[in-house]
């Protein structure tokens, strides 16, 4: 998808995930672990 669509215009890609393997494609992903850790704190 990114290979096909990025040539159209510069795009920002946000992933709802914290699987860091997806950051070879996405620009940003969720900091869920931080959210849960601060709740615990």
ModelCIF file with pLDDT and N, C-alpha, C, O atoms, coordinates in Angstrom:
data_MODEL
#
_entry.id   MODEL 
#
_entity.id                         1 
_entity.type                       polymer 
_entity.pdbx_number_of_molecules   1 
#
_entity_poly.entity_id                      1 
_entity_poly.type                           'polypeptide(L)' 
_entity_poly.nstd_linkage                   no 
_entity_poly.nstd_monomer                   no 
_entity_poly.pdbx_seq_one_letter_code       
;(UNK)(UNK)(UNK)(UNK)(UNK)(UNK)(UNK)(UNK)(UNK)(UNK)(UNK)(UNK)(UNK)(UNK)(UNK)(UNK)
(UNK)(UNK)(UNK)(UNK)(UNK)(UNK)(UNK)(UNK)(UNK)(UNK)(UNK)(UNK)(UNK)(UNK)(UNK)(UNK)
(UNK)(UNK)(UNK)(UNK)(UNK)(UNK)(UNK)(UNK)(UNK)
;
_entity_poly.pdbx_seq_one_letter_code_can   XXXXXXXXXXXXXXXXXXXXXXXXXXXXXXXXXXXXXXXXX 
_entity_poly.pdbx_strand_id                 A 
#
loop_
_entity_poly_seq.entity_id 
_entity_poly_seq.num 
_entity_poly_seq.mon_id 
_entity_poly_seq.hetero 
1 1  UNK n 
1 2  UNK n 
1 3  UNK n 
1 4  UNK n 
1 5  UNK n 
1 6  UNK n 
1 7  UNK n 
1 8  UNK n 
1 9  UNK n 
1 10 UNK n 
1 11 UNK n 
1 12 UNK n 
1 13 UNK n 
1 14 UNK n 
1 15 UNK n 
1 16 UNK n 
1 17 UNK n 
1 18 UNK n 
1 19 UNK n 
1 20 UNK n 
1 21 UNK n 
1 22 UNK n 
1 23 UNK n 
1 24 UNK n 
1 25 UNK n 
1 26 UNK n 
1 27 UNK n 
1 28 UNK n 
1 29 UNK n 
1 30 UNK n 
1 31 UNK n 
1 32 UNK n 
1 33 UNK n 
1 34 UNK n 
1 35 UNK n 
1 36 UNK n 
1 37 UNK n 
1 38 UNK n 
1 39 UNK n 
1 40 UNK n 
1 41 UNK n 
#
_struct_asym.id          A 
_struct_asym.entity_id   1 
#
loop_
_ma_qa_metric.id 
_ma_qa_metric.mode 
_ma_qa_metric.name 
_ma_qa_metric.software_group_id 
_ma_qa_metric.type 
1 global pLDDT . pLDDT 
2 local  pLDDT . pLDDT 
#
_ma_qa_metric_global.metric_id      1 
_ma_qa_metric_global.metric_value   97.12 
_ma_qa_metric_global.model_id       1 
_ma_qa_metric_global.ordinal_id     1 
#
loop_
_ma_qa_metric_local.label_asym_id 
_ma_qa_metric_local.label_comp_id 
_ma_qa_metric_local.label_seq_id 
_ma_qa_metric_local.metric_id 
_ma_qa_metric_local.metric_value 
_ma_qa_metric_local.model_id 
_ma_qa_metric_local.ordinal_id 
A UNK 1  2 98.00 1 1  
A UNK 2  2 98.00 1 2  
A UNK 3  2 97.00 1 3  
A UNK 4  2 98.00 1 4  
A UNK 5  2 98.00 1 5  
A UNK 6  2 97.00 1 6  
A UNK 7  2 97.00 1 7  
A UNK 8  2 98.00 1 8  
A UNK 9  2 97.00 1 9  
A UNK 10 2 96.00 1 10 
A UNK 11 2 98.00 1 11 
A UNK 12 2 98.00 1 12 
A UNK 13 2 98.00 1 13 
A UNK 14 2 98.00 1 14 
A UNK 15 2 98.00 1 15 
A UNK 16 2 98.00 1 16 
A UNK 17 2 98.00 1 17 
A UNK 18 2 96.00 1 18 
A UNK 19 2 97.00 1 19 
A UNK 20 2 95.00 1 20 
A UNK 21 2 95.00 1 21 
A UNK 22 2 97.00 1 22 
A UNK 23 2 97.00 1 23 
A UNK 24 2 95.00 1 24 
A UNK 25 2 97.00 1 25 
A UNK 26 2 98.00 1 26 
A UNK 27 2 98.00 1 27 
A UNK 28 2 98.00 1 28 
A UNK 29 2 98.00 1 29 
A UNK 30 2 98.00 1 30 
A UNK 31 2 97.00 1 31 
A UNK 32 2 97.00 1 32 
A UNK 33 2 97.00 1 33 
A UNK 34 2 97.00 1 34 
A UNK 35 2 97.00 1 35 
A UNK 36 2 96.00 1 36 
A UNK 37 2 97.00 1 37 
A UNK 38 2 97.00 1 38 
A UNK 39 2 96.00 1 39 
A UNK 40 2 96.00 1 40 
A UNK 41 2 96.00 1 41 
#
loop_
_atom_site.group_PDB 
_atom_site.id 
_atom_site.type_symbol 
_atom_site.label_atom_id 
_atom_site.label_alt_id 
_atom_site.label_comp_id 
_atom_site.label_asym_id 
_atom_site.label_entity_id 
_atom_site.label_seq_id 
_atom_site.pdbx_PDB_ins_code 
_atom_site.Cartn_x 
_atom_site.Cartn_y 
_atom_site.Cartn_z 
_atom_site.occupancy 
_atom_site.B_iso_or_equiv 
_atom_site.pdbx_formal_charge 
_atom_site.auth_seq_id 
_atom_site.auth_comp_id 
_atom_site.auth_asym_id 
_atom_site.auth_atom_id 
_atom_site.pdbx_PDB_model_num 
ATOM 1   N N  . UNK A 1 1  ? 0.827  -1.204 0.000  1.00 98.00 ? 1  UNK A N  1 
ATOM 2   C CA . UNK A 1 1  ? 0.000  0.000  0.000  1.00 98.00 ? 1  UNK A CA 1 
ATOM 3   C C  . UNK A 1 1  ? 0.865  1.259  0.000  1.00 98.00 ? 1  UNK A C  1 
ATOM 4   O O  . UNK A 1 1  ? 0.613  2.200  -0.753 1.00 98.00 ? 1  UNK A O  1 
ATOM 5   N N  . UNK A 1 2  ? 1.872  1.263  0.843  1.00 98.00 ? 2  UNK A N  1 
ATOM 6   C CA . UNK A 1 2  ? 2.700  2.470  0.921  1.00 98.00 ? 2  UNK A CA 1 
ATOM 7   C C  . UNK A 1 2  ? 3.505  2.666  -0.364 1.00 98.00 ? 2  UNK A C  1 
ATOM 8   O O  . UNK A 1 2  ? 3.678  3.795  -0.823 1.00 98.00 ? 2  UNK A O  1 
ATOM 9   N N  . UNK A 1 3  ? 3.985  1.590  -0.930 1.00 97.00 ? 3  UNK A N  1 
ATOM 10  C CA . UNK A 1 3  ? 4.722  1.680  -2.198 1.00 97.00 ? 3  UNK A CA 1 
ATOM 11  C C  . UNK A 1 3  ? 3.831  2.243  -3.298 1.00 97.00 ? 3  UNK A C  1 
ATOM 12  O O  . UNK A 1 3  ? 4.298  3.011  -4.140 1.00 97.00 ? 3  UNK A O  1 
ATOM 13  N N  . UNK A 1 4  ? 2.564  1.872  -3.300 1.00 98.00 ? 4  UNK A N  1 
ATOM 14  C CA . UNK A 1 4  ? 1.634  2.342  -4.330 1.00 98.00 ? 4  UNK A CA 1 
ATOM 15  C C  . UNK A 1 4  ? 1.170  3.770  -4.101 1.00 98.00 ? 4  UNK A C  1 
ATOM 16  O O  . UNK A 1 4  ? 0.947  4.510  -5.059 1.00 98.00 ? 4  UNK A O  1 
ATOM 17  N N  . UNK A 1 5  ? 1.020  4.172  -2.830 1.00 98.00 ? 5  UNK A N  1 
ATOM 18  C CA . UNK A 1 5  ? 0.355  5.440  -2.538 1.00 98.00 ? 5  UNK A CA 1 
ATOM 19  C C  . UNK A 1 5  ? 1.302  6.595  -2.252 1.00 98.00 ? 5  UNK A C  1 
ATOM 20  O O  . UNK A 1 5  ? 0.967  7.745  -2.539 1.00 98.00 ? 5  UNK A O  1 
ATOM 21  N N  . UNK A 1 6  ? 2.475  6.320  -1.695 1.00 97.00 ? 6  UNK A N  1 
ATOM 22  C CA . UNK A 1 6  ? 3.401  7.419  -1.384 1.00 97.00 ? 6  UNK A CA 1 
ATOM 23  C C  . UNK A 1 6  ? 3.784  8.259  -2.605 1.00 97.00 ? 6  UNK A C  1 
ATOM 24  O O  . UNK A 1 6  ? 3.968  9.468  -2.464 1.00 97.00 ? 6  UNK A O  1 
ATOM 25  N N  . UNK A 1 7  ? 3.912  7.666  -3.799 1.00 97.00 ? 7  UNK A N  1 
ATOM 26  C CA . UNK A 1 7  ? 4.250  8.512  -4.956 1.00 97.00 ? 7  UNK A CA 1 
ATOM 27  C C  . UNK A 1 7  ? 3.182  9.556  -5.283 1.00 97.00 ? 7  UNK A C  1 
ATOM 28  O O  . UNK A 1 7  ? 3.471  10.525 -5.986 1.00 97.00 ? 7  UNK A O  1 
ATOM 29  N N  . UNK A 1 8  ? 1.956  9.379  -4.789 1.00 98.00 ? 8  UNK A N  1 
ATOM 30  C CA . UNK A 1 8  ? 0.896  10.339 -5.082 1.00 98.00 ? 8  UNK A CA 1 
ATOM 31  C C  . UNK A 1 8  ? 1.125  11.660 -4.357 1.00 98.00 ? 8  UNK A C  1 
ATOM 32  O O  . UNK A 1 8  ? 0.893  12.732 -4.915 1.00 98.00 ? 8  UNK A O  1 
ATOM 33  N N  . UNK A 1 9  ? 1.583  11.574 -3.102 1.00 97.00 ? 9  UNK A N  1 
ATOM 34  C CA . UNK A 1 9  ? 1.908  12.748 -2.292 1.00 97.00 ? 9  UNK A CA 1 
ATOM 35  C C  . UNK A 1 9  ? 2.583  12.245 -1.017 1.00 97.00 ? 9  UNK A C  1 
ATOM 36  O O  . UNK A 1 9  ? 2.422  11.077 -0.664 1.00 97.00 ? 9  UNK A O  1 
ATOM 37  N N  . UNK A 1 10 ? 3.327  13.087 -0.324 1.00 96.00 ? 10 UNK A N  1 
ATOM 38  C CA . UNK A 1 10 ? 3.916  12.655 0.943  1.00 96.00 ? 10 UNK A CA 1 
ATOM 39  C C  . UNK A 1 10 ? 2.809  12.364 1.962  1.00 96.00 ? 10 UNK A C  1 
ATOM 40  O O  . UNK A 1 10 ? 1.947  13.206 2.212  1.00 96.00 ? 10 UNK A O  1 
ATOM 41  N N  . UNK A 1 11 ? 2.845  11.167 2.544  1.00 98.00 ? 11 UNK A N  1 
ATOM 42  C CA . UNK A 1 11 ? 1.798  10.714 3.453  1.00 98.00 ? 11 UNK A CA 1 
ATOM 43  C C  . UNK A 1 11 ? 2.374  10.333 4.814  1.00 98.00 ? 11 UNK A C  1 
ATOM 44  O O  . UNK A 1 11 ? 3.512  9.876  4.917  1.00 98.00 ? 11 UNK A O  1 
ATOM 45  N N  . UNK A 1 12 ? 1.567  10.529 5.853  1.00 98.00 ? 12 UNK A N  1 
ATOM 46  C CA . UNK A 1 12 ? 1.918  10.101 7.201  1.00 98.00 ? 12 UNK A CA 1 
ATOM 47  C C  . UNK A 1 12 ? 1.156  8.818  7.508  1.00 98.00 ? 12 UNK A C  1 
ATOM 48  O O  . UNK A 1 12 ? -0.043 8.719  7.247  1.00 98.00 ? 12 UNK A O  1 
ATOM 49  N N  . UNK A 1 13 ? 1.870  7.824  8.072  1.00 98.00 ? 13 UNK A N  1 
ATOM 50  C CA . UNK A 1 13 ? 1.289  6.508  8.340  1.00 98.00 ? 13 UNK A CA 1 
ATOM 51  C C  . UNK A 1 13 ? 1.431  6.181  9.824  1.00 98.00 ? 13 UNK A C  1 
ATOM 52  O O  . UNK A 1 13 ? 2.539  6.024  10.337 1.00 98.00 ? 13 UNK A O  1 
ATOM 53  N N  . UNK A 1 14 ? 0.286  6.081  10.503 1.00 98.00 ? 14 UNK A N  1 
ATOM 54  C CA . UNK A 1 14 ? 0.233  5.750  11.927 1.00 98.00 ? 14 UNK A CA 1 
ATOM 55  C C  . UNK A 1 14 ? -0.386 4.368  12.092 1.00 98.00 ? 14 UNK A C  1 
ATOM 56  O O  . UNK A 1 14 ? -1.457 4.096  11.552 1.00 98.00 ? 14 UNK A O  1 
ATOM 57  N N  . UNK A 1 15 ? 0.285  3.496  12.837 1.00 98.00 ? 15 UNK A N  1 
ATOM 58  C CA . UNK A 1 15 ? -0.213 2.142  13.071 1.00 98.00 ? 15 UNK A CA 1 
ATOM 59  C C  . UNK A 1 15 ? -0.760 2.016  14.483 1.00 98.00 ? 15 UNK A C  1 
ATOM 60  O O  . UNK A 1 15 ? -0.098 2.377  15.455 1.00 98.00 ? 15 UNK A O  1 
ATOM 61  N N  . UNK A 1 16 ? -1.978 1.499  14.581 1.00 98.00 ? 16 UNK A N  1 
ATOM 62  C CA . UNK A 1 16 ? -2.472 1.119  15.895 1.00 98.00 ? 16 UNK A CA 1 
ATOM 63  C C  . UNK A 1 16 ? -1.889 -0.261 16.204 1.00 98.00 ? 16 UNK A C  1 
ATOM 64  O O  . UNK A 1 16 ? -2.510 -1.291 15.944 1.00 98.00 ? 16 UNK A O  1 
ATOM 65  N N  . UNK A 1 17 ? -0.710 -0.249 16.750 1.00 98.00 ? 17 UNK A N  1 
ATOM 66  C CA . UNK A 1 17 ? -0.009 -1.472 17.147 1.00 98.00 ? 17 UNK A CA 1 
ATOM 67  C C  . UNK A 1 17 ? 1.155  -1.060 18.022 1.00 98.00 ? 17 UNK A C  1 
ATOM 68  O O  . UNK A 1 17 ? 1.547  0.107  18.050 1.00 98.00 ? 17 UNK A O  1 
ATOM 69  N N  . UNK A 1 18 ? 1.706  -2.036 18.740 1.00 96.00 ? 18 UNK A N  1 
ATOM 70  C CA . UNK A 1 18 ? 3.004  -1.814 19.361 1.00 96.00 ? 18 UNK A CA 1 
ATOM 71  C C  . UNK A 1 18 ? 3.960  -2.942 18.971 1.00 96.00 ? 18 UNK A C  1 
ATOM 72  O O  . UNK A 1 18 ? 4.934  -3.222 19.669 1.00 96.00 ? 18 UNK A O  1 
ATOM 73  N N  . UNK A 1 19 ? 3.658  -3.582 17.834 1.00 97.00 ? 19 UNK A N  1 
ATOM 74  C CA . UNK A 1 19 ? 4.582  -4.531 17.227 1.00 97.00 ? 19 UNK A CA 1 
ATOM 75  C C  . UNK A 1 19 ? 5.578  -3.713 16.406 1.00 97.00 ? 19 UNK A C  1 
ATOM 76  O O  . UNK A 1 19 ? 5.261  -3.226 15.321 1.00 97.00 ? 19 UNK A O  1 
ATOM 77  N N  . UNK A 1 20 ? 6.784  -3.575 16.948 1.00 95.00 ? 20 UNK A N  1 
ATOM 78  C CA . UNK A 1 20 ? 7.753  -2.658 16.340 1.00 95.00 ? 20 UNK A CA 1 
ATOM 79  C C  . UNK A 1 20 ? 8.243  -3.130 14.982 1.00 95.00 ? 20 UNK A C  1 
ATOM 80  O O  . UNK A 1 20 ? 8.859  -2.354 14.252 1.00 95.00 ? 20 UNK A O  1 
ATOM 81  N N  . UNK A 1 21 ? 7.984  -4.398 14.620 1.00 95.00 ? 21 UNK A N  1 
ATOM 82  C CA . UNK A 1 21 ? 8.348  -4.853 13.279 1.00 95.00 ? 21 UNK A CA 1 
ATOM 83  C C  . UNK A 1 21 ? 7.602  -4.034 12.206 1.00 95.00 ? 21 UNK A C  1 
ATOM 84  O O  . UNK A 1 21 ? 8.091  -3.874 11.087 1.00 95.00 ? 21 UNK A O  1 
ATOM 85  N N  . UNK A 1 22 ? 6.429  -3.525 12.561 1.00 97.00 ? 22 UNK A N  1 
ATOM 86  C CA . UNK A 1 22 ? 5.642  -2.763 11.595 1.00 97.00 ? 22 UNK A CA 1 
ATOM 87  C C  . UNK A 1 22 ? 6.228  -1.381 11.332 1.00 97.00 ? 22 UNK A C  1 
ATOM 88  O O  . UNK A 1 22 ? 5.780  -0.678 10.426 1.00 97.00 ? 22 UNK A O  1 
ATOM 89  N N  . UNK A 1 23 ? 7.223  -0.989 12.117 1.00 97.00 ? 23 UNK A N  1 
ATOM 90  C CA . UNK A 1 23 ? 7.838  0.319  11.900 1.00 97.00 ? 23 UNK A CA 1 
ATOM 91  C C  . UNK A 1 23 ? 8.821  0.316  10.734 1.00 97.00 ? 23 UNK A C  1 
ATOM 92  O O  . UNK A 1 23 ? 9.442  1.342  10.454 1.00 97.00 ? 23 UNK A O  1 
ATOM 93  N N  . UNK A 1 24 ? 8.976  -0.819 10.046 1.00 95.00 ? 24 UNK A N  1 
ATOM 94  C CA . UNK A 1 24 ? 9.703  -0.738 8.784  1.00 95.00 ? 24 UNK A CA 1 
ATOM 95  C C  . UNK A 1 24 ? 8.808  -0.172 7.681  1.00 95.00 ? 24 UNK A C  1 
ATOM 96  O O  . UNK A 1 24 ? 9.272  0.136  6.584  1.00 95.00 ? 24 UNK A O  1 
ATOM 97  N N  . UNK A 1 25 ? 7.508  -0.041 7.995  1.00 97.00 ? 25 UNK A N  1 
ATOM 98  C CA . UNK A 1 25 ? 6.557  0.558  7.064  1.00 97.00 ? 25 UNK A CA 1 
ATOM 99  C C  . UNK A 1 25 ? 5.973  1.849  7.634  1.00 97.00 ? 25 UNK A C  1 
ATOM 100 O O  . UNK A 1 25 ? 5.901  2.860  6.936  1.00 97.00 ? 25 UNK A O  1 
ATOM 101 N N  . UNK A 1 26 ? 5.556  1.816  8.900  1.00 98.00 ? 26 UNK A N  1 
ATOM 102 C CA . UNK A 1 26 ? 4.840  2.940  9.504  1.00 98.00 ? 26 UNK A CA 1 
ATOM 103 C C  . UNK A 1 26 ? 5.804  3.954  10.119 1.00 98.00 ? 26 UNK A C  1 
ATOM 104 O O  . UNK A 1 26 ? 6.938  3.633  10.477 1.00 98.00 ? 26 UNK A O  1 
ATOM 105 N N  . UNK A 1 27 ? 5.316  5.181  10.227 1.00 98.00 ? 27 UNK A N  1 
ATOM 106 C CA . UNK A 1 27 ? 6.113  6.266  10.801 1.00 98.00 ? 27 UNK A CA 1 
ATOM 107 C C  . UNK A 1 27 ? 5.962  6.365  12.312 1.00 98.00 ? 27 UNK A C  1 
ATOM 108 O O  . UNK A 1 27 ? 6.856  6.858  13.000 1.00 98.00 ? 27 UNK A O  1 
ATOM 109 N N  . UNK A 1 28 ? 4.840  5.901  12.820 1.00 98.00 ? 28 UNK A N  1 
ATOM 110 C CA . UNK A 1 28 ? 4.559  6.011  14.247 1.00 98.00 ? 28 UNK A CA 1 
ATOM 111 C C  . UNK A 1 28 ? 3.645  4.868  14.656 1.00 98.00 ? 28 UNK A C  1 
ATOM 112 O O  . UNK A 1 28 ? 2.869  4.360  13.847 1.00 98.00 ? 28 UNK A O  1 
ATOM 113 N N  . UNK A 1 29 ? 3.743  4.466  15.918 1.00 98.00 ? 29 UNK A N  1 
ATOM 114 C CA . UNK A 1 29 ? 2.808  3.485  16.456 1.00 98.00 ? 29 UNK A CA 1 
ATOM 115 C C  . UNK A 1 29 ? 2.528  3.805  17.916 1.00 98.00 ? 29 UNK A C  1 
ATOM 116 O O  . UNK A 1 29 ? 3.182  4.661  18.513 1.00 98.00 ? 29 UNK A O  1 
ATOM 117 N N  . UNK A 1 30 ? 1.570  3.123  18.472 1.00 98.00 ? 30 UNK A N  1 
ATOM 118 C CA . UNK A 1 30 ? 1.061  3.444  19.809 1.00 98.00 ? 30 UNK A CA 1 
ATOM 119 C C  . UNK A 1 30 ? 2.070  3.138  20.921 1.00 98.00 ? 30 UNK A C  1 
ATOM 120 O O  . UNK A 1 30 ? 2.826  2.169  20.847 1.00 98.00 ? 30 UNK A O  1 
ATOM 121 N N  . UNK A 1 31 ? 2.062  3.984  21.944 1.00 97.00 ? 31 UNK A N  1 
ATOM 122 C CA . UNK A 1 31 ? 2.841  3.734  23.157 1.00 97.00 ? 31 UNK A CA 1 
ATOM 123 C C  . UNK A 1 31 ? 1.910  3.155  24.220 1.00 97.00 ? 31 UNK A C  1 
ATOM 124 O O  . UNK A 1 31 ? 1.777  3.714  25.308 1.00 97.00 ? 31 UNK A O  1 
ATOM 125 N N  . UNK A 1 32 ? 1.270  2.035  23.900 1.00 97.00 ? 32 UNK A N  1 
ATOM 126 C CA . UNK A 1 32 ? 0.344  1.396  24.837 1.00 97.00 ? 32 UNK A CA 1 
ATOM 127 C C  . UNK A 1 32 ? 1.044  0.986  26.123 1.00 97.00 ? 32 UNK A C  1 
ATOM 128 O O  . UNK A 1 32 ? 0.494  1.151  27.212 1.00 97.00 ? 32 UNK A O  1 
ATOM 129 N N  . UNK A 1 33 ? 2.257  0.452  26.002 1.00 97.00 ? 33 UNK A N  1 
ATOM 130 C CA . UNK A 1 33 ? 2.958  -0.028 27.206 1.00 97.00 ? 33 UNK A CA 1 
ATOM 131 C C  . UNK A 1 33 ? 3.171  1.112  28.188 1.00 97.00 ? 33 UNK A C  1 
ATOM 132 O O  . UNK A 1 33 ? 3.053  0.928  29.400 1.00 97.00 ? 33 UNK A O  1 
ATOM 133 N N  . UNK A 1 34 ? 3.491  2.309  27.655 1.00 97.00 ? 34 UNK A N  1 
ATOM 134 C CA . UNK A 1 34 ? 3.666  3.473  28.529 1.00 97.00 ? 34 UNK A CA 1 
ATOM 135 C C  . UNK A 1 34 ? 2.345  3.820  29.206 1.00 97.00 ? 34 UNK A C  1 
ATOM 136 O O  . UNK A 1 34 ? 2.315  4.091  30.407 1.00 97.00 ? 34 UNK A O  1 
ATOM 137 N N  . UNK A 1 35 ? 1.254  3.812  28.443 1.00 97.00 ? 35 UNK A N  1 
ATOM 138 C CA . UNK A 1 35 ? -0.044 4.136  29.024 1.00 97.00 ? 35 UNK A CA 1 
ATOM 139 C C  . UNK A 1 35 ? -0.386 3.173  30.161 1.00 97.00 ? 35 UNK A C  1 
ATOM 140 O O  . UNK A 1 35 ? -0.805 3.603  31.236 1.00 97.00 ? 35 UNK A O  1 
ATOM 141 N N  . UNK A 1 36 ? -0.208 1.874  29.925 1.00 96.00 ? 36 UNK A N  1 
ATOM 142 C CA . UNK A 1 36 ? -0.546 0.892  30.952 1.00 96.00 ? 36 UNK A CA 1 
ATOM 143 C C  . UNK A 1 36 ? 0.404  0.991  32.145 1.00 96.00 ? 36 UNK A C  1 
ATOM 144 O O  . UNK A 1 36 ? -0.015 0.834  33.291 1.00 96.00 ? 36 UNK A O  1 
ATOM 145 N N  . UNK A 1 37 ? 1.677  1.251  31.872 1.00 97.00 ? 37 UNK A N  1 
ATOM 146 C CA . UNK A 1 37 ? 2.653  1.350  32.961 1.00 97.00 ? 37 UNK A CA 1 
ATOM 147 C C  . UNK A 1 37 ? 2.367  2.558  33.850 1.00 97.00 ? 37 UNK A C  1 
ATOM 148 O O  . UNK A 1 37 ? 2.498  2.477  35.071 1.00 97.00 ? 37 UNK A O  1 
ATOM 149 N N  . UNK A 1 38 ? 1.980  3.671  33.243 1.00 97.00 ? 38 UNK A N  1 
ATOM 150 C CA . UNK A 1 38 ? 1.675  4.853  34.060 1.00 97.00 ? 38 UNK A CA 1 
ATOM 151 C C  . UNK A 1 38 ? 0.390  4.653  34.861 1.00 97.00 ? 38 UNK A C  1 
ATOM 152 O O  . UNK A 1 38 ? 0.279  5.133  35.989 1.00 97.00 ? 38 UNK A O  1 
ATOM 153 N N  . UNK A 1 39 ? -0.583 3.942  34.278 1.00 96.00 ? 39 UNK A N  1 
ATOM 154 C CA . UNK A 1 39 ? -1.778 3.603  35.065 1.00 96.00 ? 39 UNK A CA 1 
ATOM 155 C C  . UNK A 1 39 ? -1.396 2.794  36.293 1.00 96.00 ? 39 UNK A C  1 
ATOM 156 O O  . UNK A 1 39 ? -1.879 3.066  37.392 1.00 96.00 ? 39 UNK A O  1 
ATOM 157 N N  . UNK A 1 40 ? -0.537 1.809  36.116 1.00 96.00 ? 40 UNK A N  1 
ATOM 158 C CA . UNK A 1 40 ? -0.097 0.994  37.251 1.00 96.00 ? 40 UNK A CA 1 
ATOM 159 C C  . UNK A 1 40 ? 0.644  1.841  38.278 1.00 96.00 ? 40 UNK A C  1 
ATOM 160 O O  . UNK A 1 40 ? 0.473  1.667  39.485 1.00 96.00 ? 40 UNK A O  1 
ATOM 161 N N  . UNK A 1 41 ? 1.467  2.758  37.784 1.00 96.00 ? 41 UNK A N  1 
ATOM 162 C CA . UNK A 1 41 ? 2.219  3.605  38.722 1.00 96.00 ? 41 UNK A CA 1 
ATOM 163 C C  . UNK A 1 41 ? 1.270  4.448  39.571 1.00 96.00 ? 41 UNK A C  1 
ATOM 164 O O  . UNK A 1 41 ? 1.719  5.222  40.416 1.00 96.00 ? 41 UNK A O  1 
#
